[in-house]
């Protein structure tokens, strides 16, 4: 059971990393200091794939936390 749970955690963590890296939240470090063409602190509604990716990231994070907590309780 430990090997299966470890494999599931690895798969979820890789998918979580990919989903986080796919999210485009700005131009990088220049956005931190107010540069870039982002227009400042303008709120934009998530639509389409961005909305799906955000939801998938939240679900994957909760799944990872759940499996980690379950793994902790088993030991």
C-alpha atoms as a PDB file:
ATOM      1  CA  UNK A   1       0.000   0.000   0.000  1.00  0.00           C
ATOM      2  CA  UNK A   2       2.899   2.374   0.714  1.00  0.00           C
ATOM      3  CA  UNK A   3       4.283   1.908  -2.799  1.00  0.00           C
ATOM      4  CA  UNK A   4       0.904   2.617  -4.393  1.00  0.00           C
ATOM      5  CA  UNK A   5       0.389   5.723  -2.243  1.00  0.00           C
ATOM      6  CA  UNK A   6       3.909   6.937  -3.021  1.00  0.00           C
ATOM      7  CA  UNK A   7       3.349   6.443  -6.736  1.00  0.00           C
ATOM      8  CA  UNK A   8       0.044   8.327  -6.566  1.00  0.00           C
ATOM      9  CA  UNK A   9       1.734  11.206  -4.722  1.00  0.00           C
ATOM     10  CA  UNK A  10       4.492  11.398  -7.335  1.00  0.00           C
ATOM     11  CA  UNK A  11       1.979  11.455 -10.197  1.00  0.00           C
ATOM     12  CA  UNK A  12      -0.147  14.115  -8.485  1.00  0.00           C
ATOM     13  CA  UNK A  13       2.917  16.240  -7.701  1.00  0.00           C
ATOM     14  CA  UNK A  14       4.132  16.115 -11.319  1.00  0.00           C
ATOM     15  CA  UNK A  15       0.669  17.085 -12.583  1.00  0.00           C
ATOM     16  CA  UNK A  16       0.519  19.883 -10.003  1.00  0.00           C
ATOM     17  CA  UNK A  17       3.891  21.247 -11.093  1.00  0.00           C
ATOM     18  CA  UNK A  18       2.812  21.167 -14.744  1.00  0.00           C
ATOM     19  CA  UNK A  19      -0.478  22.911 -14.004  1.00  0.00           C
ATOM     20  CA  UNK A  20       1.284  25.643 -12.041  1.00  0.00           C
ATOM     21  CA  UNK A  21       3.891  26.202 -14.740  1.00  0.00           C
ATOM     22  CA  UNK A  22       1.223  26.446 -17.455  1.00  0.00           C
ATOM     23  CA  UNK A  23      -0.460  29.357 -15.726  1.00  0.00           C
ATOM     24  CA  UNK A  24       0.668  32.628 -17.269  1.00  0.00           C
ATOM     25  CA  UNK A  25       0.523  35.248 -14.528  1.00  0.00           C
ATOM     26  CA  UNK A  26       2.682  38.007 -15.995  1.00  0.00           C
ATOM     27  CA  UNK A  27       5.976  38.772 -17.627  1.00  0.00           C
ATOM     28  CA  UNK A  28       8.111  37.621 -14.724  1.00  0.00           C
ATOM     29  CA  UNK A  29      10.248  39.771 -12.478  1.00  0.00           C
ATOM     30  CA  UNK A  30       9.435  42.988 -14.330  1.00  0.00           C
ATOM     31  CA  UNK A  31       5.757  42.619 -13.317  1.00  0.00           C
ATOM     32  CA  UNK A  32       6.815  42.556  -9.671  1.00  0.00           C
ATOM     33  CA  UNK A  33       8.249  46.051  -9.887  1.00  0.00           C
ATOM     34  CA  UNK A  34       5.398  47.543 -11.910  1.00  0.00           C
ATOM     35  CA  UNK A  35       6.938  47.244 -15.349  1.00  0.00           C
ATOM     36  CA  UNK A  36       5.601  45.465 -18.361  1.00  0.00           C
ATOM     37  CA  UNK A  37       2.440  45.968 -20.360  1.00  0.00           C
ATOM     38  CA  UNK A  38       0.171  44.305 -17.844  1.00  0.00           C
ATOM     39  CA  UNK A  39      -1.563  47.551 -16.956  1.00  0.00           C
ATOM     40  CA  UNK A  40      -0.935  47.374 -13.220  1.00  0.00           C
ATOM     41  CA  UNK A  41      -3.301  45.706 -10.807  1.00  0.00           C
ATOM     42  CA  UNK A  42      -6.180  45.053 -13.177  1.00  0.00           C
ATOM     43  CA  UNK A  43      -8.430  42.147 -12.279  1.00  0.00           C
ATOM     44  CA  UNK A  44      -9.178  39.851 -15.185  1.00  0.00           C
ATOM     45  CA  UNK A  45     -11.855  37.172 -15.164  1.00  0.00           C
ATOM     46  CA  UNK A  46     -10.644  33.674 -15.860  1.00  0.00           C
ATOM     47  CA  UNK A  47     -12.222  32.179 -18.969  1.00  0.00           C
ATOM     48  CA  UNK A  48     -11.888  28.997 -20.943  1.00  0.00           C
ATOM     49  CA  UNK A  49      -8.688  27.060 -20.437  1.00  0.00           C
ATOM     50  CA  UNK A  50      -7.440  29.456 -17.716  1.00  0.00           C
ATOM     51  CA  UNK A  51     -10.500  28.700 -15.612  1.00  0.00           C
ATOM     52  CA  UNK A  52     -10.100  24.940 -16.147  1.00  0.00           C
ATOM     53  CA  UNK A  53      -6.387  25.117 -15.321  1.00  0.00           C
ATOM     54  CA  UNK A  54      -7.060  27.087 -12.140  1.00  0.00           C
ATOM     55  CA  UNK A  55      -9.686  24.572 -11.016  1.00  0.00           C
ATOM     56  CA  UNK A  56      -7.424  21.643 -11.869  1.00  0.00           C
ATOM     57  CA  UNK A  57      -4.598  23.199  -9.843  1.00  0.00           C
ATOM     58  CA  UNK A  58      -6.845  23.590  -6.806  1.00  0.00           C
ATOM     59  CA  UNK A  59      -8.127  20.017  -7.100  1.00  0.00           C
ATOM     60  CA  UNK A  60      -4.620  18.604  -7.544  1.00  0.00           C
ATOM     61  CA  UNK A  61      -3.350  20.565  -4.543  1.00  0.00           C
ATOM     62  CA  UNK A  62      -6.192  19.260  -2.386  1.00  0.00           C
ATOM     63  CA  UNK A  63      -5.596  15.701  -3.606  1.00  0.00           C
ATOM     64  CA  UNK A  64      -1.896  15.997  -2.820  1.00  0.00           C
ATOM     65  CA  UNK A  65      -2.602  17.338   0.665  1.00  0.00           C
ATOM     66  CA  UNK A  66      -5.168  14.597   1.233  1.00  0.00           C
ATOM     67  CA  UNK A  67      -2.796  11.819   0.205  1.00  0.00           C
ATOM     68  CA  UNK A  68       0.009  13.317   2.279  1.00  0.00           C
ATOM     69  CA  UNK A  69      -2.268  13.527   5.318  1.00  0.00           C
ATOM     70  CA  UNK A  70      -3.470   9.959   4.760  1.00  0.00           C
ATOM     71  CA  UNK A  71       0.142   8.802   4.438  1.00  0.00           C
ATOM     72  CA  UNK A  72       0.989  10.579   7.694  1.00  0.00           C
ATOM     73  CA  UNK A  73      -1.876   8.878   9.505  1.00  0.00           C
ATOM     74  CA  UNK A  74      -0.782   5.443   8.288  1.00  0.00           C
ATOM     75  CA  UNK A  75       2.624   5.716   9.962  1.00  0.00           C
END
